[in-house]
């Protein structure tokens, strides 16, 4: 009875139902009948593909690229085998070239637990504008050189870069990528090798940056001085668990007149007076995140009163 009802559903409804299936279940559904096999190939089902919940090897990924990941693909999320017992990587230059050929509209690529030490940065599909790396390994010169055999340079179009717990990422990486990319947003989490010196050398190449998030970097007030001096186009700045940030460092941000959002989560060295003094000069500020900070003498109430047109949050949440 249930099979009869499903068989009577319009194709558009079936495709909507298929949207709720995982990739393995979606592929299994294609084996039910020829009709479903055709529906599973619907472009709407392969726009945003998340493979991170599944263990994917090279053979499986090749099959997906050749059979399913076509021109409609916009976002691809893949989890590698970096922490597996076999230590066999699934990404290769040939596979990335095939992905670029079959999915020329891929805009966002998210890689986690992936060993990239045998690949060059410019081996990635040239259409990618947003790149996220989480718990990945990269070589010392990953953002330099060419992955092509003839040594020809390929244009890299990445504008949005997110790095989370990439242990090898250093000042050299930061400077190199900033010199070669026109970044609009940059997020660094757990990149403890990045220091004030590295950020100072990179900042002059980040003048078009609109969003910056820093957490777990080895930086001080000196980086805030650099941000205030060079990153005038910033619209949102998030500083998380920045324990060495002081009132002096915060004062360096008064030059960021286009700033719409400021996050100071768990930046425990700040006083309410400094927050009021700085944020009162940022006339475009619409949101202020002060989560995790305990202010003395009803400081948070004075901040709220001083910034009536700004949405201020001050919750005591656990730090991830």
C-alpha atoms as a PDB file:
ATOM      1  CA  UNK A   1       0.000   0.000   0.000  1.00  0.00           C
ATOM      2  CA  UNK A   2       2.758   2.441   0.981  1.00  0.00           C
ATOM      3  CA  UNK A   3       4.707   1.606  -2.176  1.00  0.00           C
ATOM      4  CA  UNK A   4       1.595   2.316  -4.259  1.00  0.00           C
ATOM      5  CA  UNK A   5       1.105   5.717  -2.606  1.00  0.00           C
ATOM      6  CA  UNK A   6       4.740   6.695  -3.150  1.00  0.00           C
ATOM      7  CA  UNK A   7       4.510   5.598  -6.759  1.00  0.00           C
ATOM      8  CA  UNK A   8       1.598   7.986  -7.303  1.00  0.00           C
ATOM      9  CA  UNK A   9       3.467  11.039  -6.035  1.00  0.00           C
ATOM     10  CA  UNK A  10       4.493  13.676  -8.603  1.00  0.00           C
ATOM     11  CA  UNK A  11       8.172  13.807  -9.488  1.00  0.00           C
ATOM     12  CA  UNK A  12       8.519  17.233  -7.874  1.00  0.00           C
ATOM     13  CA  UNK A  13       7.281  15.855  -4.532  1.00  0.00           C
ATOM     14  CA  UNK A  14       9.575  12.839  -4.734  1.00  0.00           C
ATOM     15  CA  UNK A  15      12.560  15.091  -5.359  1.00  0.00           C
ATOM     16  CA  UNK A  16      11.618  17.125  -2.280  1.00  0.00           C
ATOM     17  CA  UNK A  17      11.463  13.909  -0.243  1.00  0.00           C
ATOM     18  CA  UNK A  18      14.858  12.857  -1.581  1.00  0.00           C
ATOM     19  CA  UNK A  19      16.329  16.120  -0.249  1.00  0.00           C
ATOM     20  CA  UNK A  20      16.064  14.708   3.278  1.00  0.00           C
ATOM     21  CA  UNK A  21      18.141  11.631   2.466  1.00  0.00           C
ATOM     22  CA  UNK A  22      21.843  11.281   3.121  1.00  0.00           C
ATOM     23  CA  UNK A  23      24.094  10.743   0.123  1.00  0.00           C
ATOM     24  CA  UNK A  24      24.404   6.954   0.708  1.00  0.00           C
ATOM     25  CA  UNK A  25      20.623   6.621   1.080  1.00  0.00           C
ATOM     26  CA  UNK A  26      20.093   8.750  -1.996  1.00  0.00           C
ATOM     27  CA  UNK A  27      22.302   6.461  -4.052  1.00  0.00           C
ATOM     28  CA  UNK A  28      20.535   3.386  -2.651  1.00  0.00           C
ATOM     29  CA  UNK A  29      17.222   4.900  -3.722  1.00  0.00           C
ATOM     30  CA  UNK A  30      18.472   5.077  -7.288  1.00  0.00           C
ATOM     31  CA  UNK A  31      18.557   1.270  -7.337  1.00  0.00           C
ATOM     32  CA  UNK A  32      14.843   0.898  -6.608  1.00  0.00           C
ATOM     33  CA  UNK A  33      13.727   1.414 -10.198  1.00  0.00           C
ATOM     34  CA  UNK A  34      14.688   3.219 -13.389  1.00  0.00           C
ATOM     35  CA  UNK A  35      12.294   6.056 -12.606  1.00  0.00           C
ATOM     36  CA  UNK A  36      13.920   6.762  -9.251  1.00  0.00           C
ATOM     37  CA  UNK A  37      17.347   6.387 -10.801  1.00  0.00           C
ATOM     38  CA  UNK A  38      16.506   9.267 -13.116  1.00  0.00           C
ATOM     39  CA  UNK A  39      15.049  11.366 -10.294  1.00  0.00           C
ATOM     40  CA  UNK A  40      18.126  10.893  -8.107  1.00  0.00           C
ATOM     41  CA  UNK A  41      20.148  12.620 -10.828  1.00  0.00           C
ATOM     42  CA  UNK A  42      18.009  15.752 -10.481  1.00  0.00           C
ATOM     43  CA  UNK A  43      20.296  18.786 -10.253  1.00  0.00           C
ATOM     44  CA  UNK A  44      18.447  20.151  -7.232  1.00  0.00           C
ATOM     45  CA  UNK A  45      19.686  17.196  -5.145  1.00  0.00           C
ATOM     46  CA  UNK A  46      23.345  17.854  -5.901  1.00  0.00           C
ATOM     47  CA  UNK A  47      23.741  21.581  -5.268  1.00  0.00           C
ATOM     48  CA  UNK A  48      25.002  21.355  -1.693  1.00  0.00           C
ATOM     49  CA  UNK A  49      26.630  18.025  -0.860  1.00  0.00           C
ATOM     50  CA  UNK A  50      27.804  17.192   2.660  1.00  0.00           C
ATOM     51  CA  UNK A  51      29.912  14.032   2.867  1.00  0.00           C
ATOM     52  CA  UNK A  52      31.434  14.735   6.301  1.00  0.00           C
ATOM     53  CA  UNK A  53      29.248  12.238   8.211  1.00  0.00           C
ATOM     54  CA  UNK A  54      30.592   9.403   6.057  1.00  0.00           C
ATOM     55  CA  UNK A  55      33.963   7.732   5.602  1.00  0.00           C
ATOM     56  CA  UNK A  56      34.922   8.446   2.000  1.00  0.00           C
ATOM     57  CA  UNK A  57      37.848   6.839   0.188  1.00  0.00           C
ATOM     58  CA  UNK A  58      39.305   7.693  -3.200  1.00  0.00           C
ATOM     59  CA  UNK A  59      37.247   5.103  -5.074  1.00  0.00           C
ATOM     60  CA  UNK A  60      33.951   6.369  -3.669  1.00  0.00           C
ATOM     61  CA  UNK A  61      34.807  10.008  -4.309  1.00  0.00           C
ATOM     62  CA  UNK A  62      35.821   9.284  -7.902  1.00  0.00           C
ATOM     63  CA  UNK A  63      32.473   7.551  -8.426  1.00  0.00           C
ATOM     64  CA  UNK A  64      30.563  10.502  -6.973  1.00  0.00           C
ATOM     65  CA  UNK A  65      32.453  13.039  -9.071  1.00  0.00           C
ATOM     66  CA  UNK A  66      31.957  11.143 -12.321  1.00  0.00           C
ATOM     67  CA  UNK A  67      28.369  10.072 -11.714  1.00  0.00           C
ATOM     68  CA  UNK A  68      26.611  12.643  -9.550  1.00  0.00           C
ATOM     69  CA  UNK A  69      28.575  15.843  -8.880  1.00  0.00           C
ATOM     70  CA  UNK A  70      27.816  17.812 -12.016  1.00  0.00           C
ATOM     71  CA  UNK A  71      27.413  21.413 -13.053  1.00  0.00           C
ATOM     72  CA  UNK A  72      24.807  22.191 -10.391  1.00  0.00           C
ATOM     73  CA  UNK A  73      27.238  21.614  -7.504  1.00  0.00           C
ATOM     74  CA  UNK A  74      27.763  24.782  -5.437  1.00  0.00           C
ATOM     75  CA  UNK A  75      29.019  23.479  -2.091  1.00  0.00           C
ATOM     76  CA  UNK A  76      31.037  20.359  -1.279  1.00  0.00           C
ATOM     77  CA  UNK A  77      31.991  19.241   2.229  1.00  0.00           C
ATOM     78  CA  UNK A  78      34.343  16.286   2.599  1.00  0.00           C
ATOM     79  CA  UNK A  79      36.028  14.622   5.568  1.00  0.00           C
ATOM     80  CA  UNK A  80      39.401  13.013   4.935  1.00  0.00           C
ATOM     81  CA  UNK A  81      41.273  10.102   6.454  1.00  0.00           C
ATOM     82  CA  UNK A  82      43.962  11.999   8.366  1.00  0.00           C
ATOM     83  CA  UNK A  83      43.106  10.366  11.692  1.00  0.00           C
ATOM     84  CA  UNK A  84      42.274   6.921  10.333  1.00  0.00           C
ATOM     85  CA  UNK A  85      44.451   3.880  10.942  1.00  0.00           C
ATOM     86  CA  UNK A  86      45.298   3.392   7.261  1.00  0.00           C
ATOM     87  CA  UNK A  87      46.535   6.981   6.730  1.00  0.00           C
ATOM     88  CA  UNK A  88      45.559   6.791   3.055  1.00  0.00           C
ATOM     89  CA  UNK A  89      44.477  10.063   1.495  1.00  0.00           C
ATOM     90  CA  UNK A  90      41.629  10.275  -0.966  1.00  0.00           C
ATOM     91  CA  UNK A  91      42.419  13.573  -2.684  1.00  0.00           C
ATOM     92  CA  UNK A  92      44.740  13.749  -5.667  1.00  0.00           C
ATOM     93  CA  UNK A  93      45.533  16.323  -8.299  1.00  0.00           C
ATOM     94  CA  UNK A  94      43.822  14.174 -10.933  1.00  0.00           C
ATOM     95  CA  UNK A  95      40.636  13.956  -8.870  1.00  0.00           C
ATOM     96  CA  UNK A  96      40.599  17.719  -8.264  1.00  0.00           C
ATOM     97  CA  UNK A  97      41.047  18.352 -11.972  1.00  0.00           C
ATOM     98  CA  UNK A  98      38.134  16.028 -12.712  1.00  0.00           C
ATOM     99  CA  UNK A  99      36.029  17.834 -10.110  1.00  0.00           C
ATOM    100  CA  UNK A 100      36.848  21.179 -11.706  1.00  0.00           C
ATOM    101  CA  UNK A 101      35.953  19.833 -15.141  1.00  0.00           C
ATOM    102  CA  UNK A 102      32.606  18.330 -14.133  1.00  0.00           C
ATOM    103  CA  UNK A 103      31.596  20.933 -11.531  1.00  0.00           C
ATOM    104  CA  UNK A 104      32.672  24.310 -12.954  1.00  0.00           C
ATOM    105  CA  UNK A 105      30.208  26.154 -10.698  1.00  0.00           C
ATOM    106  CA  UNK A 106      31.612  24.895  -7.399  1.00  0.00           C
ATOM    107  CA  UNK A 107      31.888  27.937  -5.128  1.00  0.00           C
ATOM    108  CA  UNK A 108      32.493  26.548  -1.638  1.00  0.00           C
ATOM    109  CA  UNK A 109      34.834  23.716  -0.661  1.00  0.00           C
ATOM    110  CA  UNK A 110      35.092  22.496   2.939  1.00  0.00           C
ATOM    111  CA  UNK A 111      37.792  19.979   3.859  1.00  0.00           C
ATOM    112  CA  UNK A 112      38.242  18.459   7.300  1.00  0.00           C
ATOM    113  CA  UNK A 113      40.844  15.998   8.609  1.00  0.00           C
ATOM    114  CA  UNK A 114      42.555  16.031   5.231  1.00  0.00           C
ATOM    115  CA  UNK A 115      46.255  15.652   4.459  1.00  0.00           C
ATOM    116  CA  UNK A 116      47.087  18.282   1.844  1.00  0.00           C
ATOM    117  CA  UNK A 117      50.865  17.986   2.048  1.00  0.00           C
ATOM    118  CA  UNK A 118      51.111  16.373  -1.399  1.00  0.00           C
ATOM    119  CA  UNK A 119      48.861  18.926  -3.067  1.00  0.00           C
ATOM    120  CA  UNK A 120      49.398  22.539  -4.031  1.00  0.00           C
ATOM    121  CA  UNK A 121      46.961  25.281  -3.177  1.00  0.00           C
ATOM    122  CA  UNK A 122      46.409  26.113  -6.836  1.00  0.00           C
ATOM    123  CA  UNK A 123      45.472  22.493  -7.551  1.00  0.00           C
ATOM    124  CA  UNK A 124      42.082  23.274  -6.048  1.00  0.00           C
ATOM    125  CA  UNK A 125      39.233  24.005  -8.475  1.00  0.00           C
ATOM    126  CA  UNK A 126      39.685  27.536  -9.781  1.00  0.00           C
ATOM    127  CA  UNK A 127      35.978  28.306  -9.374  1.00  0.00           C
ATOM    128  CA  UNK A 128      36.146  28.028  -5.567  1.00  0.00           C
ATOM    129  CA  UNK A 129      35.604  31.359  -3.826  1.00  0.00           C
ATOM    130  CA  UNK A 130      35.120  30.065  -0.292  1.00  0.00           C
ATOM    131  CA  UNK A 131      37.557  27.582   1.271  1.00  0.00           C
ATOM    132  CA  UNK A 132      37.275  26.051   4.731  1.00  0.00           C
ATOM    133  CA  UNK A 133      39.978  23.847   6.251  1.00  0.00           C
ATOM    134  CA  UNK A 134      39.438  22.147   9.601  1.00  0.00           C
ATOM    135  CA  UNK A 135      42.018  19.943  11.328  1.00  0.00           C
ATOM    136  CA  UNK A 136      44.026  19.623   8.105  1.00  0.00           C
ATOM    137  CA  UNK A 137      47.751  19.272   7.434  1.00  0.00           C
ATOM    138  CA  UNK A 138      49.426  21.586   4.919  1.00  0.00           C
ATOM    139  CA  UNK A 139      53.067  21.902   3.765  1.00  0.00           C
ATOM    140  CA  UNK A 140      55.220  24.909   4.591  1.00  0.00           C
ATOM    141  CA  UNK A 141      54.876  26.461   1.122  1.00  0.00           C
ATOM    142  CA  UNK A 142      51.310  25.410   0.420  1.00  0.00           C
ATOM    143  CA  UNK A 143      50.183  28.825  -0.817  1.00  0.00           C
ATOM    144  CA  UNK A 144      53.158  29.118  -3.171  1.00  0.00           C
ATOM    145  CA  UNK A 145      54.099  27.408  -6.419  1.00  0.00           C
ATOM    146  CA  UNK A 146      51.973  25.538  -8.899  1.00  0.00           C
ATOM    147  CA  UNK A 147      50.408  22.101  -8.835  1.00  0.00           C
ATOM    148  CA  UNK A 148      50.557  21.855 -12.632  1.00  0.00           C
ATOM    149  CA  UNK A 149      53.223  19.786 -14.341  1.00  0.00           C
ATOM    150  CA  UNK A 150      54.151  22.560 -16.763  1.00  0.00           C
ATOM    151  CA  UNK A 151      54.573  25.019 -13.899  1.00  0.00           C
ATOM    152  CA  UNK A 152      51.973  27.383 -15.332  1.00  0.00           C
ATOM    153  CA  UNK A 153      50.295  29.705 -12.871  1.00  0.00           C
ATOM    154  CA  UNK A 154      46.578  29.271 -12.265  1.00  0.00           C
ATOM    155  CA  UNK A 155      44.402  32.066 -11.030  1.00  0.00           C
ATOM    156  CA  UNK A 156      43.045  31.368  -7.564  1.00  0.00           C
ATOM    157  CA  UNK A 157      39.762  33.113  -6.816  1.00  0.00           C
ATOM    158  CA  UNK A 158      39.337  32.344  -3.117  1.00  0.00           C
ATOM    159  CA  UNK A 159      37.806  35.370  -1.380  1.00  0.00           C
ATOM    160  CA  UNK A 160      36.632  33.760   1.856  1.00  0.00           C
ATOM    161  CA  UNK A 161      39.039  31.638   3.899  1.00  0.00           C
ATOM    162  CA  UNK A 162      38.317  29.769   7.134  1.00  0.00           C
ATOM    163  CA  UNK A 163      41.109  27.909   8.934  1.00  0.00           C
ATOM    164  CA  UNK A 164      40.317  25.965  12.086  1.00  0.00           C
ATOM    165  CA  UNK A 165      43.011  24.050  13.953  1.00  0.00           C
ATOM    166  CA  UNK A 166      45.446  23.775  11.073  1.00  0.00           C
ATOM    167  CA  UNK A 167      48.566  23.291  13.243  1.00  0.00           C
ATOM    168  CA  UNK A 168      51.180  24.023  10.575  1.00  0.00           C
ATOM    169  CA  UNK A 169      49.681  27.396   9.611  1.00  0.00           C
ATOM    170  CA  UNK A 170      52.270  30.075  10.367  1.00  0.00           C
ATOM    171  CA  UNK A 171      53.230  33.684   9.711  1.00  0.00           C
ATOM    172  CA  UNK A 172      54.723  32.640   6.371  1.00  0.00           C
ATOM    173  CA  UNK A 173      51.454  31.053   5.281  1.00  0.00           C
ATOM    174  CA  UNK A 174      49.544  34.157   6.328  1.00  0.00           C
ATOM    175  CA  UNK A 175      51.786  36.526   4.414  1.00  0.00           C
ATOM    176  CA  UNK A 176      51.856  34.351   1.296  1.00  0.00           C
ATOM    177  CA  UNK A 177      48.109  33.858   1.052  1.00  0.00           C
ATOM    178  CA  UNK A 178      47.439  37.549   1.675  1.00  0.00           C
ATOM    179  CA  UNK A 179      49.841  38.489  -1.114  1.00  0.00           C
ATOM    180  CA  UNK A 180      48.230  36.082  -3.583  1.00  0.00           C
ATOM    181  CA  UNK A 181      44.538  36.406  -2.705  1.00  0.00           C
ATOM    182  CA  UNK A 182      42.092  39.292  -2.635  1.00  0.00           C
ATOM    183  CA  UNK A 183      40.407  38.206   0.577  1.00  0.00           C
ATOM    184  CA  UNK A 184      37.096  39.631   1.727  1.00  0.00           C
ATOM    185  CA  UNK A 185      36.807  37.476   4.841  1.00  0.00           C
ATOM    186  CA  UNK A 186      39.319  35.602   6.983  1.00  0.00           C
ATOM    187  CA  UNK A 187      38.746  33.392  10.018  1.00  0.00           C
ATOM    188  CA  UNK A 188      41.637  31.919  12.016  1.00  0.00           C
ATOM    189  CA  UNK A 189      40.923  29.553  14.908  1.00  0.00           C
ATOM    190  CA  UNK A 190      43.587  27.633  16.803  1.00  0.00           C
ATOM    191  CA  UNK A 191      46.378  28.932  14.557  1.00  0.00           C
ATOM    192  CA  UNK A 192      48.789  29.419  17.437  1.00  0.00           C
ATOM    193  CA  UNK A 193      51.827  29.982  15.195  1.00  0.00           C
ATOM    194  CA  UNK A 194      50.425  33.310  13.965  1.00  0.00           C
ATOM    195  CA  UNK A 195      51.965  36.226  15.879  1.00  0.00           C
ATOM    196  CA  UNK A 196      51.888  40.023  15.860  1.00  0.00           C
ATOM    197  CA  UNK A 197      54.823  40.080  13.455  1.00  0.00           C
ATOM    198  CA  UNK A 198      53.078  37.872  10.937  1.00  0.00           C
ATOM    199  CA  UNK A 199      49.881  39.865  11.050  1.00  0.00           C
ATOM    200  CA  UNK A 200      51.769  43.125  10.625  1.00  0.00           C
ATOM    201  CA  UNK A 201      53.415  41.870   7.419  1.00  0.00           C
ATOM    202  CA  UNK A 202      50.139  40.536   6.046  1.00  0.00           C
ATOM    203  CA  UNK A 203      47.831  43.421   6.971  1.00  0.00           C
ATOM    204  CA  UNK A 204      48.946  45.740   4.187  1.00  0.00           C
ATOM    205  CA  UNK A 205      47.597  43.163   1.711  1.00  0.00           C
ATOM    206  CA  UNK A 206      44.223  42.902   3.466  1.00  0.00           C
ATOM    207  CA  UNK A 207      42.844  46.344   2.747  1.00  0.00           C
ATOM    208  CA  UNK A 208      39.703  44.913   1.134  1.00  0.00           C
ATOM    209  CA  UNK A 209      38.967  42.621   4.073  1.00  0.00           C
ATOM    210  CA  UNK A 210      35.410  43.042   5.373  1.00  0.00           C
ATOM    211  CA  UNK A 211      35.247  40.259   7.967  1.00  0.00           C
ATOM    212  CA  UNK A 212      37.944  39.047  10.364  1.00  0.00           C
ATOM    213  CA  UNK A 213      37.722  36.463  13.126  1.00  0.00           C
ATOM    214  CA  UNK A 214      40.653  35.594  15.385  1.00  0.00           C
ATOM    215  CA  UNK A 215      40.708  32.912  18.071  1.00  0.00           C
ATOM    216  CA  UNK A 216      43.648  31.017  19.486  1.00  0.00           C
ATOM    217  CA  UNK A 217      46.325  33.105  17.757  1.00  0.00           C
ATOM    218  CA  UNK A 218      49.488  34.168  19.588  1.00  0.00           C
ATOM    219  CA  UNK A 219      48.794  37.893  19.297  1.00  0.00           C
ATOM    220  CA  UNK A 220      48.634  40.950  21.554  1.00  0.00           C
ATOM    221  CA  UNK A 221      47.489  44.569  21.434  1.00  0.00           C
ATOM    222  CA  UNK A 222      50.024  45.074  18.642  1.00  0.00           C
ATOM    223  CA  UNK A 223      47.767  43.249  16.204  1.00  0.00           C
ATOM    224  CA  UNK A 224      44.844  45.505  17.161  1.00  0.00           C
ATOM    225  CA  UNK A 225      47.026  48.499  16.307  1.00  0.00           C
ATOM    226  CA  UNK A 226      47.724  46.972  12.884  1.00  0.00           C
ATOM    227  CA  UNK A 227      44.027  46.234  12.337  1.00  0.00           C
ATOM    228  CA  UNK A 228      43.046  49.791  13.175  1.00  0.00           C
ATOM    229  CA  UNK A 229      45.718  51.187  10.901  1.00  0.00           C
ATOM    230  CA  UNK A 230      45.316  49.039   7.781  1.00  0.00           C
ATOM    231  CA  UNK A 231      41.941  47.259   7.781  1.00  0.00           C
ATOM    232  CA  UNK A 232      39.693  50.286   7.330  1.00  0.00           C
ATOM    233  CA  UNK A 233      37.166  48.360   5.189  1.00  0.00           C
ATOM    234  CA  UNK A 234      36.255  45.970   8.025  1.00  0.00           C
ATOM    235  CA  UNK A 235      32.530  45.640   8.625  1.00  0.00           C
ATOM    236  CA  UNK A 236      32.714  42.873  11.215  1.00  0.00           C
ATOM    237  CA  UNK A 237      35.488  41.946  13.648  1.00  0.00           C
ATOM    238  CA  UNK A 238      35.341  39.008  16.047  1.00  0.00           C
ATOM    239  CA  UNK A 239      37.983  38.485  18.724  1.00  0.00           C
ATOM    240  CA  UNK A 240      37.389  35.362  20.821  1.00  0.00           C
ATOM    241  CA  UNK A 241      39.166  34.479  24.070  1.00  0.00           C
ATOM    242  CA  UNK A 242      41.749  37.196  23.416  1.00  0.00           C
ATOM    243  CA  UNK A 243      43.097  37.199  26.983  1.00  0.00           C
ATOM    244  CA  UNK A 244      45.950  39.614  26.282  1.00  0.00           C
ATOM    245  CA  UNK A 245      43.650  42.295  24.860  1.00  0.00           C
ATOM    246  CA  UNK A 246      43.651  45.428  27.016  1.00  0.00           C
ATOM    247  CA  UNK A 247      41.813  48.730  26.979  1.00  0.00           C
ATOM    248  CA  UNK A 248      44.733  50.230  25.070  1.00  0.00           C
ATOM    249  CA  UNK A 249      44.442  47.666  22.294  1.00  0.00           C
ATOM    250  CA  UNK A 250      40.694  48.181  22.059  1.00  0.00           C
ATOM    251  CA  UNK A 251      41.223  51.920  21.619  1.00  0.00           C
ATOM    252  CA  UNK A 252      43.042  51.209  18.346  1.00  0.00           C
ATOM    253  CA  UNK A 253      39.737  50.220  16.760  1.00  0.00           C
ATOM    254  CA  UNK A 254      38.232  53.716  16.802  1.00  0.00           C
ATOM    255  CA  UNK A 255      39.440  54.233  13.221  1.00  0.00           C
ATOM    256  CA  UNK A 256      37.178  51.453  11.891  1.00  0.00           C
ATOM    257  CA  UNK A 257      34.294  53.746  10.997  1.00  0.00           C
ATOM    258  CA  UNK A 258      32.532  51.178   8.766  1.00  0.00           C
ATOM    259  CA  UNK A 259      32.382  48.556  11.512  1.00  0.00           C
ATOM    260  CA  UNK A 260      28.864  47.129  11.872  1.00  0.00           C
ATOM    261  CA  UNK A 261      29.606  44.209  14.171  1.00  0.00           C
ATOM    262  CA  UNK A 262      32.164  43.761  16.961  1.00  0.00           C
ATOM    263  CA  UNK A 263      32.683  40.547  18.915  1.00  0.00           C
ATOM    264  CA  UNK A 264      34.766  40.502  22.083  1.00  0.00           C
ATOM    265  CA  UNK A 265      33.757  37.129  23.523  1.00  0.00           C
ATOM    266  CA  UNK A 266      35.747  36.094  26.583  1.00  0.00           C
ATOM    267  CA  UNK A 267      38.133  39.046  26.263  1.00  0.00           C
ATOM    268  CA  UNK A 268      38.426  39.337  30.024  1.00  0.00           C
ATOM    269  CA  UNK A 269      40.930  42.208  30.197  1.00  0.00           C
ATOM    270  CA  UNK A 270      38.493  44.918  29.113  1.00  0.00           C
ATOM    271  CA  UNK A 271      36.759  47.493  31.273  1.00  0.00           C
ATOM    272  CA  UNK A 272      33.261  48.804  30.701  1.00  0.00           C
ATOM    273  CA  UNK A 273      34.632  52.352  30.429  1.00  0.00           C
ATOM    274  CA  UNK A 274      36.891  51.362  27.517  1.00  0.00           C
ATOM    275  CA  UNK A 275      34.078  49.531  25.741  1.00  0.00           C
ATOM    276  CA  UNK A 276      31.818  52.579  26.062  1.00  0.00           C
ATOM    277  CA  UNK A 277      34.550  54.982  24.976  1.00  0.00           C
ATOM    278  CA  UNK A 278      35.464  53.022  21.844  1.00  0.00           C
ATOM    279  CA  UNK A 279      32.029  51.840  20.746  1.00  0.00           C
ATOM    280  CA  UNK A 280      30.524  55.304  21.143  1.00  0.00           C
ATOM    281  CA  UNK A 281      32.794  56.502  18.338  1.00  0.00           C
ATOM    282  CA  UNK A 282      31.735  53.678  16.010  1.00  0.00           C
ATOM    283  CA  UNK A 283      28.522  55.257  14.749  1.00  0.00           C
ATOM    284  CA  UNK A 284      27.686  52.396  12.355  1.00  0.00           C
ATOM    285  CA  UNK A 285      27.980  49.721  15.041  1.00  0.00           C
ATOM    286  CA  UNK A 286      24.823  47.604  15.123  1.00  0.00           C
ATOM    287  CA  UNK A 287      25.864  44.585  17.203  1.00  0.00           C
ATOM    288  CA  UNK A 288      28.286  44.104  20.097  1.00  0.00           C
ATOM    289  CA  UNK A 289      29.053  40.646  21.496  1.00  0.00           C
ATOM    290  CA  UNK A 290      30.381  40.711  25.051  1.00  0.00           C
ATOM    291  CA  UNK A 291      29.540  37.117  25.952  1.00  0.00           C
ATOM    292  CA  UNK A 292      31.669  35.616  28.697  1.00  0.00           C
ATOM    293  CA  UNK A 293      32.847  38.956  30.125  1.00  0.00           C
ATOM    294  CA  UNK A 294      31.999  39.882  33.719  1.00  0.00           C
ATOM    295  CA  UNK A 295      32.035  43.648  34.244  1.00  0.00           C
ATOM    296  CA  UNK A 296      32.319  45.247  37.668  1.00  0.00           C
ATOM    297  CA  UNK A 297      30.024  47.874  39.210  1.00  0.00           C
ATOM    298  CA  UNK A 298      27.049  47.297  36.914  1.00  0.00           C
ATOM    299  CA  UNK A 299      29.285  47.943  33.923  1.00  0.00           C
ATOM    300  CA  UNK A 300      27.095  46.054  31.473  1.00  0.00           C
ATOM    301  CA  UNK A 301      24.118  48.257  32.357  1.00  0.00           C
ATOM    302  CA  UNK A 302      26.128  51.388  31.637  1.00  0.00           C
ATOM    303  CA  UNK A 303      27.220  49.907  28.307  1.00  0.00           C
ATOM    304  CA  UNK A 304      23.591  49.196  27.382  1.00  0.00           C
ATOM    305  CA  UNK A 305      22.563  52.735  28.269  1.00  0.00           C
ATOM    306  CA  UNK A 306      25.450  54.260  26.320  1.00  0.00           C
ATOM    307  CA  UNK A 307      24.710  52.279  23.144  1.00  0.00           C
ATOM    308  CA  UNK A 308      20.923  52.500  22.676  1.00  0.00           C
ATOM    309  CA  UNK A 309      21.080  51.804  18.926  1.00  0.00           C
ATOM    310  CA  UNK A 310      23.343  48.769  19.226  1.00  0.00           C
ATOM    311  CA  UNK A 311      22.259  45.193  20.008  1.00  0.00           C
ATOM    312  CA  UNK A 312      24.471  44.176  22.946  1.00  0.00           C
ATOM    313  CA  UNK A 313      24.730  40.594  24.216  1.00  0.00           C
ATOM    314  CA  UNK A 314      26.422  39.546  27.449  1.00  0.00           C
ATOM    315  CA  UNK A 315      25.669  35.886  28.089  1.00  0.00           C
ATOM    316  CA  UNK A 316      27.748  33.527  30.200  1.00  0.00           C
ATOM    317  CA  UNK A 317      28.100  30.717  27.670  1.00  0.00           C
ATOM    318  CA  UNK A 318      30.633  27.894  27.602  1.00  0.00           C
ATOM    319  CA  UNK A 319      33.584  28.589  25.313  1.00  0.00           C
ATOM    320  CA  UNK A 320      33.797  25.970  22.546  1.00  0.00           C
END
